Amino acid sequence: MSDGLRVTIADFRAAGICPRARDLFFVPHGLDWRAFVREGIPAEELLATGDARAAQVVEVARGRQ
């Protein structure tokens, strides 16, 4: 189910993951870091990776809605 939520760099920062997000999360999952920084990323796309950190960041993003 799509709720249209886009996760931003601010959400990664709020989750305490930002300093290493590119190397720990985006590169290993083949996600485009530069596009993410510019536009954010759909929460569904993060959750589809199955990464526990993705779920953590999406929850932070949902909390700001």
N, C-alpha and C. Protein backbone atom coordinates (compact mmCIF):
# COMPACT_ATOMS: atom_id res chain seq x y z
N MET A 1 0.84 -1.19 0.00
CA MET A 1 0.00 0.00 0.00
C MET A 1 0.88 1.24 0.00
N SER A 2 0.68 2.09 -0.93
CA SER A 2 1.49 3.30 -1.05
C SER A 2 0.85 4.46 -0.31
N ASP A 3 1.63 5.04 0.58
CA ASP A 3 1.12 6.23 1.29
C ASP A 3 1.77 7.50 0.75
N GLY A 4 2.64 7.35 -0.26
CA GLY A 4 3.28 8.49 -0.88
C GLY A 4 4.40 9.12 -0.06
N LEU A 5 4.75 8.51 1.05
CA LEU A 5 5.78 9.06 1.92
C LEU A 5 7.14 9.00 1.24
N ARG A 6 7.84 10.14 1.24
CA ARG A 6 9.21 10.20 0.74
C ARG A 6 10.13 10.42 1.93
N VAL A 7 11.14 9.60 2.01
CA VAL A 7 12.14 9.70 3.07
C VAL A 7 13.24 10.64 2.60
N THR A 8 13.68 11.51 3.48
CA THR A 8 14.70 12.50 3.14
C THR A 8 15.97 12.30 3.95
N ILE A 9 16.97 13.04 3.59
CA ILE A 9 18.23 13.00 4.34
C ILE A 9 18.01 13.40 5.79
N ALA A 10 17.07 14.30 6.03
CA ALA A 10 16.75 14.72 7.41
C ALA A 10 16.25 13.53 8.23
N ASP A 11 15.53 12.62 7.60
CA ASP A 11 15.04 11.44 8.31
C ASP A 11 16.20 10.52 8.70
N PHE A 12 17.16 10.37 7.79
CA PHE A 12 18.34 9.57 8.13
C PHE A 12 19.11 10.22 9.28
N ARG A 13 19.22 11.54 9.24
CA ARG A 13 19.90 12.25 10.33
C ARG A 13 19.18 12.03 11.65
N ALA A 14 17.87 12.17 11.63
CA ALA A 14 17.07 12.01 12.85
C ALA A 14 17.17 10.60 13.41
N ALA A 15 17.38 9.62 12.53
CA ALA A 15 17.53 8.23 12.96
C ALA A 15 18.96 7.91 13.39
N GLY A 16 19.86 8.88 13.24
CA GLY A 16 21.25 8.69 13.65
C GLY A 16 22.07 7.88 12.66
N ILE A 17 21.64 7.80 11.41
CA ILE A 17 22.31 6.98 10.40
C ILE A 17 23.05 7.81 9.37
N CYS A 18 22.79 9.08 9.28
CA CYS A 18 23.26 9.91 8.18
C CYS A 18 24.75 9.86 7.87
N PRO A 19 25.64 9.96 8.83
CA PRO A 19 27.06 10.07 8.46
C PRO A 19 27.58 8.93 7.59
N ARG A 20 27.00 7.75 7.72
CA ARG A 20 27.47 6.61 6.93
C ARG A 20 26.39 6.02 6.04
N ALA A 21 25.28 6.72 5.87
CA ALA A 21 24.14 6.16 5.12
C ALA A 21 24.53 5.74 3.71
N ARG A 22 25.33 6.54 3.05
CA ARG A 22 25.69 6.21 1.67
C ARG A 22 26.43 4.88 1.61
N ASP A 23 27.43 4.72 2.45
CA ASP A 23 28.25 3.50 2.41
C ASP A 23 27.57 2.29 3.05
N LEU A 24 26.81 2.53 4.11
CA LEU A 24 26.19 1.41 4.81
C LEU A 24 24.86 0.97 4.22
N PHE A 25 24.19 1.87 3.52
CA PHE A 25 22.86 1.54 3.06
C PHE A 25 22.67 1.68 1.56
N PHE A 26 22.97 2.83 1.01
CA PHE A 26 22.66 3.07 -0.40
C PHE A 26 23.52 2.25 -1.35
N VAL A 27 24.82 2.24 -1.16
CA VAL A 27 25.70 1.49 -2.05
C VAL A 27 25.40 -0.01 -2.02
N PRO A 28 25.32 -0.63 -0.84
CA PRO A 28 25.05 -2.08 -0.81
C PRO A 28 23.71 -2.49 -1.44
N HIS A 29 22.73 -1.59 -1.40
CA HIS A 29 21.41 -1.92 -1.94
C HIS A 29 21.22 -1.39 -3.37
N GLY A 30 22.26 -0.81 -3.94
CA GLY A 30 22.19 -0.33 -5.32
C GLY A 30 21.26 0.85 -5.52
N LEU A 31 21.09 1.65 -4.49
CA LEU A 31 20.21 2.83 -4.57
C LEU A 31 21.03 4.06 -4.92
N ASP A 32 20.42 4.98 -5.62
CA ASP A 32 21.09 6.18 -6.12
C ASP A 32 21.18 7.25 -5.03
N TRP A 33 22.36 7.42 -4.49
CA TRP A 33 22.59 8.37 -3.40
C TRP A 33 22.32 9.80 -3.84
N ARG A 34 22.83 10.19 -4.99
CA ARG A 34 22.67 11.59 -5.43
C ARG A 34 21.21 11.94 -5.67
N ALA A 35 20.46 11.04 -6.28
CA ALA A 35 19.02 11.28 -6.50
C ALA A 35 18.31 11.38 -5.15
N PHE A 36 18.70 10.53 -4.23
CA PHE A 36 18.10 10.57 -2.89
C PHE A 36 18.32 11.92 -2.22
N VAL A 37 19.55 12.42 -2.26
CA VAL A 37 19.86 13.70 -1.63
C VAL A 37 19.04 14.82 -2.25
N ARG A 38 18.85 14.77 -3.57
CA ARG A 38 18.07 15.80 -4.26
C ARG A 38 16.57 15.69 -4.01
N GLU A 39 16.05 14.47 -4.05
CA GLU A 39 14.60 14.27 -4.13
C GLU A 39 13.99 13.44 -3.01
N GLY A 40 14.82 12.81 -2.19
CA GLY A 40 14.28 11.85 -1.25
C GLY A 40 14.03 10.53 -1.98
N ILE A 41 13.46 9.57 -1.27
CA ILE A 41 13.21 8.25 -1.84
C ILE A 41 11.89 7.75 -1.29
N PRO A 42 11.09 7.08 -2.10
CA PRO A 42 9.83 6.55 -1.58
C PRO A 42 10.09 5.55 -0.44
N ALA A 43 9.30 5.67 0.60
CA ALA A 43 9.44 4.77 1.75
C ALA A 43 9.34 3.31 1.31
N GLU A 44 8.44 3.03 0.39
CA GLU A 44 8.27 1.65 -0.09
C GLU A 44 9.55 1.09 -0.69
N GLU A 45 10.29 1.94 -1.38
CA GLU A 45 11.54 1.49 -2.00
C GLU A 45 12.56 1.11 -0.93
N LEU A 46 12.61 1.89 0.13
CA LEU A 46 13.51 1.55 1.24
C LEU A 46 13.08 0.26 1.91
N LEU A 47 11.80 0.14 2.20
CA LEU A 47 11.30 -1.05 2.89
C LEU A 47 11.49 -2.31 2.06
N ALA A 48 11.43 -2.18 0.75
CA ALA A 48 11.59 -3.34 -0.14
C ALA A 48 12.98 -3.98 -0.03
N THR A 49 13.95 -3.25 0.50
CA THR A 49 15.29 -3.81 0.66
C THR A 49 15.33 -4.85 1.77
N GLY A 50 14.37 -4.78 2.70
CA GLY A 50 14.37 -5.71 3.83
C GLY A 50 15.38 -5.36 4.91
N ASP A 51 16.06 -4.24 4.76
CA ASP A 51 17.08 -3.81 5.71
C ASP A 51 16.42 -3.22 6.96
N ALA A 52 16.84 -3.65 8.13
CA ALA A 52 16.27 -3.17 9.38
C ALA A 52 16.45 -1.66 9.55
N ARG A 53 17.57 -1.14 9.04
CA ARG A 53 17.78 0.31 9.14
C ARG A 53 16.76 1.06 8.30
N ALA A 54 16.32 0.47 7.21
CA ALA A 54 15.30 1.10 6.37
C ALA A 54 14.01 1.27 7.15
N ALA A 55 13.61 0.23 7.84
CA ALA A 55 12.39 0.30 8.65
C ALA A 55 12.51 1.37 9.72
N GLN A 56 13.67 1.47 10.33
CA GLN A 56 13.91 2.48 11.37
C GLN A 56 13.75 3.89 10.79
N VAL A 57 14.33 4.14 9.65
CA VAL A 57 14.27 5.47 9.04
C VAL A 57 12.86 5.79 8.57
N VAL A 58 12.16 4.81 8.03
CA VAL A 58 10.79 5.04 7.58
C VAL A 58 9.90 5.39 8.78
N GLU A 59 10.11 4.74 9.90
CA GLU A 59 9.33 5.09 11.10
C GLU A 59 9.59 6.52 11.53
N VAL A 60 10.83 6.96 11.45
CA VAL A 60 11.16 8.35 11.76
C VAL A 60 10.43 9.28 10.79
N ALA A 61 10.45 8.94 9.52
CA ALA A 61 9.77 9.76 8.52
C ALA A 61 8.27 9.81 8.77
N ARG A 62 7.68 8.69 9.13
CA ARG A 62 6.24 8.67 9.43
C ARG A 62 5.93 9.53 10.64
N GLY A 63 6.84 9.59 11.56
CA GLY A 63 6.64 10.40 12.76
C GLY A 63 6.59 11.90 12.48
N ARG A 64 7.15 12.34 11.39
CA ARG A 64 7.14 13.76 11.06
C ARG A 64 5.91 14.16 10.28
N GLN A 65 5.12 13.19 9.85
CA GLN A 65 3.92 13.51 9.07
C GLN A 65 2.84 14.10 9.94
